[in-house]
Amino acid sequence: MKKVTSAQVLGLFYKAAKQVCLSACLSLLLSPISFAATYSVVSTESLKQQLLSVVAGDTIVLSAGEYRGHFEIHQAISLIGEKGAIIDAKGRGSAVSIFSSDVTLSNLVIQNWGGDLYELNAGILIKEQAQRVRVESSQLQGDGFGIYAENTSHITVVNNVIAGNPALYKLDRGDGVYLKGVDVSVIHDNAISDVRDGVYLETSTNSLVFDNRFHSAQYGIHYMYTKHDEAYGNQVDNVDGGYAIMSSEFVNLHQNQASNTLDFGILLNISNQCIVSNNRMSLGHNPQGTAELGNEGKGIFIYGARDNEVTHNLFSDNDIGIYMAMGGEKNKVYGNQFVNNKTQVKYVGDTLLEWSYEGRGNYWSGYMGWDTNHDGIADKAYRPNDSLDKLFWLYPEARFLMNSPVVALLRWVQGQFEFGPATGIVDSFPILAPSVQSLSLQSSTLLSLDDEHLPNEAGMQ
């Protein structure tokens, strides 16, 4: 066997390393990113021509001016607007359509796109399989969808102002952000107003929606057939409903706020395994709401939903604090605060529900109980409703008798004797003192939600 010296081994190693280095350098030089360039455009025609000639990694900068028409992106590029640059879609179609993955749009002003929702008119239309698209620090105003994406993944929408047309009927507007069949989306620090739904998610998974402000819409955030979503730090004001969770699973809704809602702050509709915690829902009121129609303003509405947890929320100054119906019995409800709601609980059912967990129930304003051992828990269970409440809900035409001496006597007799099997809500461990922190947060929330929500100081240039 021929003996190999250490010098020969080092020589072979050096040659191999040199070859690898040369190959890597050649590959880097030939990659599209290495030739990435930045182009500045000044007119509609120059923008369209540049969009046809760019390669992956390039950046197009829009100088101040108006760019009228409809623009398509077919490469992995960045499109950036300078101050005063406006894309105007001339009242029809979509303003910007994205066909490629790895596209970033930033500092753009996009306006006046079409309002045909069936044709998916949008300020930014993200085509199927165009993944890893990012829209940031932009301002969009138009009739149709603000941002629309379907059957793709990894969509990021951050620090934008999106406004619809307040002159349109609410349900004729597009949604601020519409994501259907999208896996992994991050939506945060946006101001969205005068749209149908602020953020609409359908058959999507793993969304994260946080620190957004929604104003003048049907719903703030609307989940439909989704799984494994999270939303926190959002503020909703002047909407029909704050957070609608419909036919969805594993939604974690926490530390959100809603005020001045017409129908509900939170809706759990045929949804399972969701956690609703540390939210503050106040001033839910419907001026035309009636018990006959069940359309009063609700802090939370649980309809046919089960195996969810509703914990440590504040429901205050609503027509109804919590309304449960149509098979919503199998949920955990504890640690919440029901404060100054016109009706704390409305439940028309034939089951006795326990609303406490591991020795702690909820706080009920107006409830006066004894606490002989000074542990903060009342010695006696609390029943927020009685059989007469249920009677009046079932037969609202008899409500004029509610304050009569006869009804007062019947309530007293009912409290002394048990007639038939117990049904309704019972809190065996009612909390006697509200959380000072939660109540102070409620006050600050109401003040903050009185501010301007339309695109102004962060809005249109």
Protein backbone atom coordinates (compact mmCIF):
# COMPACT_ATOMS: atom_id res chain seq x y z
CA MET A 1 0.00 0.00 0.00
CA LYS A 2 1.34 3.41 -0.96
CA LYS A 3 1.97 5.59 2.03
CA VAL A 4 0.31 9.05 1.99
CA THR A 5 2.12 11.84 3.76
CA SER A 6 0.44 14.50 5.89
CA ALA A 7 1.48 17.15 3.38
CA GLN A 8 -0.38 15.29 0.61
CA VAL A 9 -3.49 15.04 2.81
CA LEU A 10 -3.38 18.77 3.45
CA GLY A 11 -2.94 19.42 -0.23
CA LEU A 12 -5.98 17.35 -1.15
CA PHE A 13 -8.02 19.07 1.53
CA TYR A 14 -6.97 22.49 0.23
CA LYS A 15 -7.95 21.64 -3.34
CA ALA A 16 -11.36 20.34 -2.23
CA ALA A 17 -12.03 23.43 -0.10
CA LYS A 18 -11.00 25.70 -2.96
CA GLN A 19 -13.36 23.92 -5.34
CA VAL A 20 -16.27 24.22 -2.88
CA CYS A 21 -15.56 27.90 -2.34
CA LEU A 22 -15.41 28.59 -6.08
CA SER A 23 -18.69 26.73 -6.66
CA ALA A 24 -20.41 28.64 -3.87
CA CYS A 25 -19.17 31.99 -5.16
CA LEU A 26 -20.24 31.14 -8.71
CA SER A 27 -23.68 30.10 -7.48
CA LEU A 28 -24.03 33.34 -5.53
CA LEU A 29 -22.97 35.43 -8.51
CA LEU A 30 -25.46 33.70 -10.79
CA SER A 31 -28.41 33.90 -8.35
CA PRO A 32 -31.13 36.47 -9.09
CA ILE A 33 -30.75 38.07 -5.65
CA SER A 34 -27.15 38.99 -6.37
CA PHE A 35 -28.32 41.16 -9.26
CA ALA A 36 -31.19 42.77 -7.31
CA ALA A 37 -31.73 46.38 -8.29
CA THR A 38 -33.86 49.32 -7.22
CA TYR A 39 -35.86 51.23 -9.83
CA SER A 40 -37.70 54.51 -9.42
CA VAL A 41 -40.81 55.17 -11.51
CA VAL A 42 -42.66 58.42 -12.11
CA SER A 43 -45.72 57.53 -14.22
CA THR A 44 -48.36 54.89 -14.81
CA GLU A 45 -46.66 53.67 -17.99
CA SER A 46 -43.21 53.47 -16.43
CA LEU A 47 -44.64 51.47 -13.53
CA LYS A 48 -46.34 48.98 -15.86
CA GLN A 49 -43.20 48.62 -17.94
CA GLN A 50 -41.04 48.12 -14.88
CA LEU A 51 -43.38 45.45 -13.51
CA LEU A 52 -42.88 43.52 -16.76
CA SER A 53 -39.09 43.69 -16.66
CA VAL A 54 -38.18 43.25 -12.99
CA VAL A 55 -36.67 40.04 -11.66
CA ALA A 56 -36.89 38.41 -8.24
CA GLY A 57 -35.31 40.51 -5.53
CA ASP A 58 -35.79 43.87 -7.27
CA THR A 59 -37.41 46.88 -5.66
CA ILE A 60 -39.67 49.41 -7.38
CA VAL A 61 -40.07 52.81 -5.75
CA LEU A 62 -43.06 54.96 -6.72
CA SER A 63 -42.21 58.65 -6.81
CA ALA A 64 -44.82 61.18 -5.76
CA GLY A 65 -47.71 61.28 -8.22
CA GLU A 66 -50.82 59.41 -9.27
CA TYR A 67 -50.66 55.96 -10.86
CA ARG A 68 -54.02 55.21 -12.41
CA GLY A 69 -55.16 51.74 -13.47
CA HIS A 70 -54.63 48.12 -12.47
CA PHE A 71 -51.23 46.64 -11.76
CA GLU A 72 -49.99 43.04 -11.63
CA ILE A 73 -46.96 41.64 -9.80
CA HIS A 74 -45.50 38.39 -11.17
CA GLN A 75 -42.09 38.43 -9.47
CA ALA A 76 -40.82 38.27 -5.86
CA ILE A 77 -40.26 42.01 -5.51
CA SER A 78 -40.82 44.92 -3.14
CA LEU A 79 -43.13 47.76 -4.18
CA ILE A 80 -42.58 50.87 -2.09
CA GLY A 81 -44.29 54.24 -2.27
CA GLU A 82 -42.73 57.58 -1.53
CA LYS A 83 -44.81 60.25 0.18
CA GLY A 84 -47.47 61.52 -2.23
CA ALA A 85 -47.52 58.41 -4.43
CA ILE A 86 -51.10 57.20 -5.02
CA ILE A 87 -52.40 54.15 -6.89
CA ASP A 88 -55.94 54.84 -8.14
CA ALA A 89 -57.91 51.97 -9.71
CA LYS A 90 -60.41 54.30 -11.40
CA GLY A 91 -63.45 52.85 -9.62
CA ARG A 92 -63.36 49.31 -10.96
CA GLY A 93 -61.50 46.02 -10.62
CA SER A 94 -58.60 45.43 -8.24
CA ALA A 95 -55.82 47.98 -7.84
CA VAL A 96 -52.88 45.60 -7.28
CA SER A 97 -52.99 41.86 -8.07
CA ILE A 98 -50.21 39.64 -6.73
CA PHE A 99 -49.41 36.39 -8.55
CA SER A 100 -45.99 35.66 -7.04
CA SER A 101 -44.81 34.54 -3.61
CA ASP A 102 -42.39 36.60 -1.51
CA VAL A 103 -43.83 40.01 -2.36
CA THR A 104 -43.72 43.03 -0.04
CA LEU A 105 -45.89 46.14 -0.42
CA SER A 106 -45.12 49.08 1.84
CA ASN A 107 -45.87 52.78 2.25
CA LEU A 108 -48.47 52.71 -0.51
CA VAL A 109 -51.67 54.73 -0.83
CA ILE A 110 -54.24 52.68 -2.75
CA GLN A 111 -57.73 53.99 -3.46
CA ASN A 112 -60.86 53.86 -5.57
CA TRP A 113 -60.96 50.18 -6.53
CA GLY A 114 -64.18 48.49 -7.58
CA GLY A 115 -67.06 47.39 -5.39
CA ASP A 116 -68.05 44.10 -7.09
CA LEU A 117 -67.66 41.54 -4.32
CA TYR A 118 -68.50 38.61 -6.60
CA GLU A 119 -65.61 39.56 -8.86
CA LEU A 120 -63.36 39.93 -5.78
CA ASN A 121 -62.58 43.58 -6.38
CA ALA A 122 -59.91 44.54 -3.84
CA GLY A 123 -57.28 47.12 -3.11
CA ILE A 124 -54.77 44.26 -2.95
CA LEU A 125 -55.80 40.91 -4.47
CA ILE A 126 -53.47 38.04 -3.50
CA LYS A 127 -53.91 35.17 -5.94
CA GLU A 128 -53.94 31.48 -4.97
CA GLN A 129 -50.60 30.04 -3.87
CA ALA A 130 -48.95 33.46 -3.73
CA GLN A 131 -47.30 32.78 -0.39
CA ARG A 132 -45.35 34.93 2.06
CA VAL A 133 -46.92 38.22 1.02
CA ARG A 134 -46.46 41.19 3.35
CA VAL A 135 -48.49 44.42 3.31
CA GLU A 136 -47.25 47.09 5.67
CA SER A 137 -47.56 50.78 6.51
CA SER A 138 -50.03 51.44 3.70
CA GLN A 139 -53.35 53.26 3.39
CA LEU A 140 -56.26 51.73 1.50
CA GLN A 141 -59.68 53.20 0.84
CA GLY A 142 -62.33 51.75 -1.49
CA ASP A 143 -65.68 50.02 -1.88
CA GLY A 144 -64.67 46.35 -2.17
CA PHE A 145 -62.27 44.24 -0.12
CA GLY A 146 -59.24 45.97 1.32
CA ILE A 147 -56.95 42.92 1.16
CA TYR A 148 -58.20 39.60 -0.26
CA ALA A 149 -56.33 36.28 -0.19
CA GLU A 150 -57.50 32.73 -0.85
CA ASN A 151 -55.87 29.28 -0.70
CA THR A 152 -52.38 30.36 0.28
CA SER A 153 -50.23 30.74 3.40
CA HIS A 154 -48.10 33.11 5.45
CA ILE A 155 -49.86 36.41 4.87
CA THR A 156 -48.76 39.38 6.99
CA VAL A 157 -50.76 42.61 7.29
CA VAL A 158 -49.24 45.16 9.66
CA ASN A 159 -49.60 48.85 10.47
CA ASN A 160 -52.09 49.74 7.74
CA VAL A 161 -55.13 52.01 7.61
CA ILE A 162 -58.00 50.36 5.73
CA ALA A 163 -61.27 52.22 5.17
CA GLY A 164 -64.39 51.28 3.28
CA ASN A 165 -67.20 53.45 1.97
CA PRO A 166 -69.56 54.61 4.78
CA ALA A 167 -72.17 55.59 2.18
CA LEU A 168 -72.71 51.92 1.27
CA TYR A 169 -75.03 49.61 3.17
CA LYS A 170 -72.89 47.69 5.64
CA LEU A 171 -73.34 44.28 4.04
CA ASP A 172 -72.60 45.65 0.56
CA ARG A 173 -69.10 46.68 1.56
CA GLY A 174 -66.05 44.45 1.34
CA ASP A 175 -64.18 43.21 4.40
CA GLY A 176 -61.07 45.04 5.54
CA VAL A 177 -58.98 41.84 5.40
CA TYR A 178 -60.54 38.71 3.89
CA LEU A 179 -58.60 35.45 4.20
CA LYS A 180 -60.12 32.18 2.97
CA GLY A 181 -58.23 28.91 3.14
CA VAL A 182 -55.13 30.70 4.42
CA ASP A 183 -52.73 28.88 6.73
CA VAL A 184 -50.66 31.07 9.05
CA SER A 185 -51.53 34.75 8.94
CA VAL A 186 -50.40 37.62 11.15
CA ILE A 187 -52.54 40.76 11.29
CA HIS A 188 -51.61 43.48 13.76
CA ASP A 189 -51.53 47.22 14.46
CA ASN A 190 -54.05 48.09 11.75
CA ALA A 191 -56.89 50.63 11.91
CA ILE A 192 -59.91 49.32 9.98
CA SER A 193 -63.22 51.17 9.61
CA ASP A 194 -66.42 51.45 7.54
CA VAL A 195 -66.15 47.91 6.15
CA ARG A 196 -68.32 44.81 6.41
CA ASP A 197 -66.07 42.80 8.78
CA GLY A 198 -62.77 44.17 9.97
CA VAL A 199 -61.01 40.80 9.60
CA TYR A 200 -62.85 37.84 8.10
CA LEU A 201 -61.28 34.37 8.34
CA GLU A 202 -62.88 31.35 6.71
CA THR A 203 -61.60 27.74 6.61
CA SER A 204 -58.28 29.14 7.72
CA THR A 205 -55.86 27.97 10.41
CA ASN A 206 -53.25 29.39 12.75
CA SER A 207 -54.11 33.06 12.49
CA LEU A 208 -52.75 35.66 14.91
CA VAL A 209 -54.70 38.94 15.10
CA PHE A 210 -53.57 41.47 17.67
CA ASP A 211 -53.47 45.18 18.56
CA ASN A 212 -55.90 46.29 15.85
CA ARG A 213 -58.64 48.92 16.08
CA PHE A 214 -61.99 48.32 14.40
CA HIS A 215 -64.74 50.91 14.01
CA SER A 216 -68.09 51.14 12.20
CA ALA A 217 -68.44 47.62 10.81
CA GLN A 218 -70.64 44.55 11.04
CA TYR A 219 -68.12 42.57 13.13
CA GLY A 220 -64.62 43.40 14.29
CA ILE A 221 -63.18 39.88 13.82
CA HIS A 222 -65.25 37.11 12.24
CA TYR A 223 -64.13 33.47 12.41
CA MET A 224 -65.94 30.91 10.24
CA TYR A 225 -64.87 27.23 10.14
CA THR A 226 -61.40 28.05 11.46
CA LYS A 227 -59.01 26.25 13.81
CA HIS A 228 -56.16 27.19 16.14
CA ASP A 229 -56.51 30.96 16.06
CA GLU A 230 -55.50 33.61 18.57
CA ALA A 231 -56.59 37.22 19.01
CA TYR A 232 -55.56 39.67 21.70
CA GLY A 233 -55.18 43.38 22.35
CA ASN A 234 -57.83 44.36 19.78
CA GLN A 235 -60.29 47.23 20.28
CA VAL A 236 -63.73 47.35 18.69
CA ASP A 237 -66.22 50.22 18.80
CA ASN A 238 -69.54 51.07 17.15
CA VAL A 239 -70.20 47.72 15.46
CA ASP A 240 -73.03 45.21 15.32
CA GLY A 241 -70.84 42.56 16.97
CA GLY A 242 -67.33 42.59 18.35
CA TYR A 243 -65.88 39.08 17.97
CA ALA A 244 -67.91 36.42 16.16
CA ILE A 245 -66.64 32.86 16.54
CA MET A 246 -68.80 30.62 14.35
CA SER A 247 -68.39 26.88 13.73
CA SER A 248 -64.75 27.11 14.76
CA GLU A 249 -62.44 25.26 17.14
CA PHE A 250 -59.52 26.12 19.40
CA VAL A 251 -59.83 29.90 19.21
CA ASN A 252 -58.02 31.73 22.00
CA LEU A 253 -59.69 35.12 22.46
CA HIS A 254 -58.08 37.07 25.28
CA GLN A 255 -57.44 40.62 26.45
CA ASN A 256 -59.66 42.22 23.82
CA GLN A 257 -62.13 45.07 24.24
CA ALA A 258 -65.46 45.99 22.69
CA SER A 259 -67.75 48.93 23.34
CA ASN A 260 -70.98 50.30 21.85
CA THR A 261 -72.01 47.06 20.19
CA LEU A 262 -75.52 46.62 18.88
CA ASP A 263 -75.90 42.84 19.12
CA PHE A 264 -73.01 41.28 21.07
CA GLY A 265 -69.50 41.80 22.32
CA ILE A 266 -68.56 38.13 21.83
CA LEU A 267 -70.46 35.39 20.00
CA LEU A 268 -69.78 31.68 20.45
CA ASN A 269 -71.94 30.04 17.81
CA ILE A 270 -71.62 26.23 17.48
CA SER A 271 -67.93 26.48 18.34
CA ASN A 272 -65.92 24.11 20.52
CA GLN A 273 -62.75 24.07 22.62
CA CYS A 274 -62.40 27.85 22.61
CA ILE A 275 -60.99 29.96 25.43
CA VAL A 276 -62.53 33.38 26.07
CA SER A 277 -60.60 35.07 28.87
CA ASN A 278 -59.71 38.49 30.27
CA ASN A 279 -61.81 40.41 27.73
CA ARG A 280 -63.84 43.54 28.49
CA MET A 281 -67.22 43.89 26.80
CA SER A 282 -69.23 46.99 27.62
CA LEU A 283 -72.14 49.16 26.50
CA GLY A 284 -73.85 46.55 24.37
CA HIS A 285 -77.20 48.13 23.62
CA ASN A 286 -79.83 47.84 20.91
CA PRO A 287 -82.30 50.76 21.05
CA GLN A 288 -84.83 48.63 19.12
CA GLY A 289 -84.06 45.44 21.03
CA THR A 290 -86.96 43.50 22.52
CA ALA A 291 -87.28 40.37 24.62
CA GLU A 292 -89.69 38.95 22.05
CA LEU A 293 -87.03 38.97 19.34
CA GLY A 294 -84.08 38.29 21.64
CA ASN A 295 -82.07 41.01 19.91
CA GLU A 296 -80.98 43.02 22.94
CA GLY A 297 -77.34 44.01 23.24
CA LYS A 298 -75.35 41.20 24.87
CA GLY A 299 -71.94 41.11 26.48
CA ILE A 300 -71.54 37.52 25.30
CA PHE A 301 -73.94 35.29 23.38
CA ILE A 302 -73.41 31.52 23.62
CA TYR A 303 -75.52 29.69 21.05
CA GLY A 304 -75.17 25.94 20.57
CA ALA A 305 -71.51 26.05 21.64
CA ARG A 306 -69.98 23.55 24.05
CA ASP A 307 -66.73 22.59 25.78
CA ASN A 308 -65.53 26.19 25.86
CA GLU A 309 -64.12 28.19 28.78
CA VAL A 310 -65.41 31.69 29.55
CA THR A 311 -63.24 33.02 32.36
CA HIS A 312 -62.11 36.28 33.98
CA ASN A 313 -63.97 38.56 31.58
CA LEU A 314 -65.72 41.83 32.42
CA PHE A 315 -69.26 42.25 31.04
CA SER A 316 -70.59 45.66 32.02
CA ASP A 317 -73.44 48.02 31.17
CA ASN A 318 -75.00 45.78 28.53
CA ASP A 319 -78.69 45.07 27.95
CA ILE A 320 -77.84 41.45 28.85
CA GLY A 321 -74.56 40.35 30.41
CA ILE A 322 -74.61 36.78 29.09
CA TYR A 323 -77.24 35.10 26.94
CA MET A 324 -77.18 31.34 26.48
CA ALA A 325 -79.45 29.36 24.19
CA MET A 326 -79.88 26.27 22.01
CA GLY A 327 -77.58 23.78 23.67
CA GLY A 328 -74.91 26.07 25.07
CA GLU A 329 -74.93 24.36 28.45
CA LYS A 330 -71.65 22.40 28.45
CA ASN A 331 -69.21 25.25 29.00
CA LYS A 332 -67.15 26.44 31.96
CA VAL A 333 -68.14 29.92 33.16
CA TYR A 334 -66.22 31.26 36.16
CA GLY A 335 -64.14 34.16 37.43
CA ASN A 336 -66.11 36.68 35.34
CA GLN A 337 -67.54 40.00 36.47
CA PHE A 338 -71.11 40.93 35.57
CA VAL A 339 -71.45 44.62 36.36
CA ASN A 340 -74.49 46.87 35.92
CA ASN A 341 -76.04 44.89 33.10
CA LYS A 342 -79.76 45.53 32.76
CA THR A 343 -80.25 41.75 32.84
CA GLN A 344 -77.23 39.87 34.14
CA VAL A 345 -78.13 36.47 32.67
CA LYS A 346 -80.70 35.22 30.21
CA TYR A 347 -80.97 31.46 29.94
CA VAL A 348 -84.12 29.70 28.87
CA GLY A 349 -83.40 26.02 29.38
CA ASP A 350 -84.39 23.00 31.44
CA THR A 351 -80.94 22.21 32.85
CA LEU A 352 -79.38 23.30 36.13
CA LEU A 353 -76.01 24.83 35.25
CA GLU A 354 -73.21 25.36 37.74
CA TRP A 355 -71.17 28.48 36.97
CA SER A 356 -68.19 28.03 39.26
CA TYR A 357 -64.98 26.06 39.14
CA GLU A 358 -62.79 24.74 41.92
CA GLY A 359 -64.50 26.85 44.55
CA ARG A 360 -64.63 30.17 42.68
CA GLY A 361 -67.61 31.58 40.86
CA ASN A 362 -68.29 35.00 39.38
CA TYR A 363 -68.86 38.53 40.64
CA TRP A 364 -72.42 39.83 40.33
CA SER A 365 -73.05 43.52 40.93
CA GLY A 366 -76.13 44.08 43.05
CA TYR A 367 -75.81 40.75 44.86
CA MET A 368 -75.54 41.14 48.63
CA GLY A 369 -74.29 38.03 50.39
CA TRP A 370 -72.74 37.07 53.72
CA ASP A 371 -69.09 36.12 54.09
CA THR A 372 -68.64 34.83 57.61
CA ASN A 373 -65.17 33.37 57.08
CA HIS A 374 -63.87 36.45 55.17
CA ASP A 375 -62.57 34.52 52.18
CA GLY A 376 -64.23 36.78 49.62
CA ILE A 377 -66.76 34.09 48.67
CA ALA A 378 -70.43 34.33 49.65
CA ASP A 379 -71.68 31.70 52.08
CA LYS A 380 -74.79 31.08 49.98
CA ALA A 381 -75.15 30.15 46.33
CA TYR A 382 -76.50 32.78 43.97
CA ARG A 383 -79.27 32.31 41.43
CA PRO A 384 -79.24 35.24 38.97
CA ASN A 385 -82.62 34.18 37.53
CA ASP A 386 -85.68 32.48 38.88
CA SER A 387 -88.67 30.71 37.36
CA LEU A 388 -90.59 33.95 36.98
CA ASP A 389 -87.80 35.43 34.86
CA LYS A 390 -88.06 32.44 32.57
CA LEU A 391 -91.83 32.83 32.45
CA PHE A 392 -91.56 36.44 31.32
CA TRP A 393 -88.96 35.52 28.67
CA LEU A 394 -91.23 32.83 27.30
CA TYR A 395 -94.32 35.06 27.47
CA PRO A 396 -93.07 38.63 27.06
CA GLU A 397 -96.61 39.96 26.75
CA ALA A 398 -96.91 39.44 30.52
CA ARG A 399 -93.94 41.70 31.30
CA PHE A 400 -96.23 44.53 32.41
CA LEU A 401 -96.87 42.45 35.56
CA MET A 402 -93.19 42.30 36.52
CA ASN A 403 -93.33 45.05 39.14
CA SER A 404 -96.77 44.21 40.49
CA PRO A 405 -97.30 43.25 44.18
CA VAL A 406 -98.51 39.80 43.09
CA VAL A 407 -95.24 39.03 41.31
CA ALA A 408 -93.24 40.35 44.26
CA LEU A 409 -95.18 37.94 46.52
CA LEU A 410 -94.61 35.04 44.12
CA ARG A 411 -90.87 35.77 44.07
CA TRP A 412 -90.80 35.71 47.88
CA VAL A 413 -92.71 32.43 48.02
CA GLN A 414 -90.47 30.92 45.36
CA GLY A 415 -87.42 31.86 47.43
CA GLN A 416 -88.81 30.00 50.44
CA PHE A 417 -89.87 26.80 48.74
CA GLU A 418 -88.58 24.66 45.90
CA PHE A 419 -91.20 23.82 43.27
CA GLY A 420 -90.16 20.90 41.07
CA PRO A 421 -86.60 20.18 39.88
CA ALA A 422 -84.23 23.12 39.89
CA THR A 423 -83.27 24.59 36.51
CA GLY A 424 -81.35 27.62 35.37
CA ILE A 425 -78.06 29.10 36.53
CA VAL A 426 -76.51 28.64 39.96
CA ASP A 427 -73.22 30.09 41.15
CA SER A 428 -72.31 28.14 44.29
CA PHE A 429 -69.29 30.33 45.09
CA PRO A 430 -70.18 33.93 44.09
CA ILE A 431 -67.33 36.42 44.49
CA LEU A 432 -68.33 39.39 46.64
CA ALA A 433 -65.81 42.03 45.55
CA PRO A 434 -65.02 43.13 41.98
CA SER A 435 -61.49 43.32 40.66
CA VAL A 436 -60.39 46.95 41.00
CA GLN A 437 -57.92 46.47 38.16
CA SER A 438 -60.60 45.24 35.77
CA LEU A 439 -62.97 48.07 36.60
CA SER A 440 -60.25 50.71 36.12
CA LEU A 441 -59.30 49.10 32.80
CA GLN A 442 -62.94 49.32 31.77
CA SER A 443 -62.98 53.07 32.41
CA SER A 444 -59.78 53.64 30.44
CA THR A 445 -61.16 51.52 27.62
CA LEU A 446 -64.28 53.65 27.29
CA LEU A 447 -62.17 56.79 27.19
CA SER A 448 -59.81 55.42 24.55
CA LEU A 449 -62.66 54.21 22.36
CA ASP A 450 -64.11 57.72 22.24
CA ASP A 451 -61.10 58.84 20.18
CA GLU A 452 -61.17 59.23 16.41
CA HIS A 453 -61.02 55.92 14.57
CA LEU A 454 -61.20 57.05 11.00
CA PRO A 455 -58.00 57.32 8.95
CA ASN A 456 -56.59 60.71 9.87
CA GLU A 457 -53.41 61.15 11.88
CA ALA A 458 -52.15 57.75 10.70
CA GLY A 459 -54.34 57.84 7.64
CA MET A 460 -54.47 59.18 4.15
CA GLN A 461 -51.59 61.34 3.04
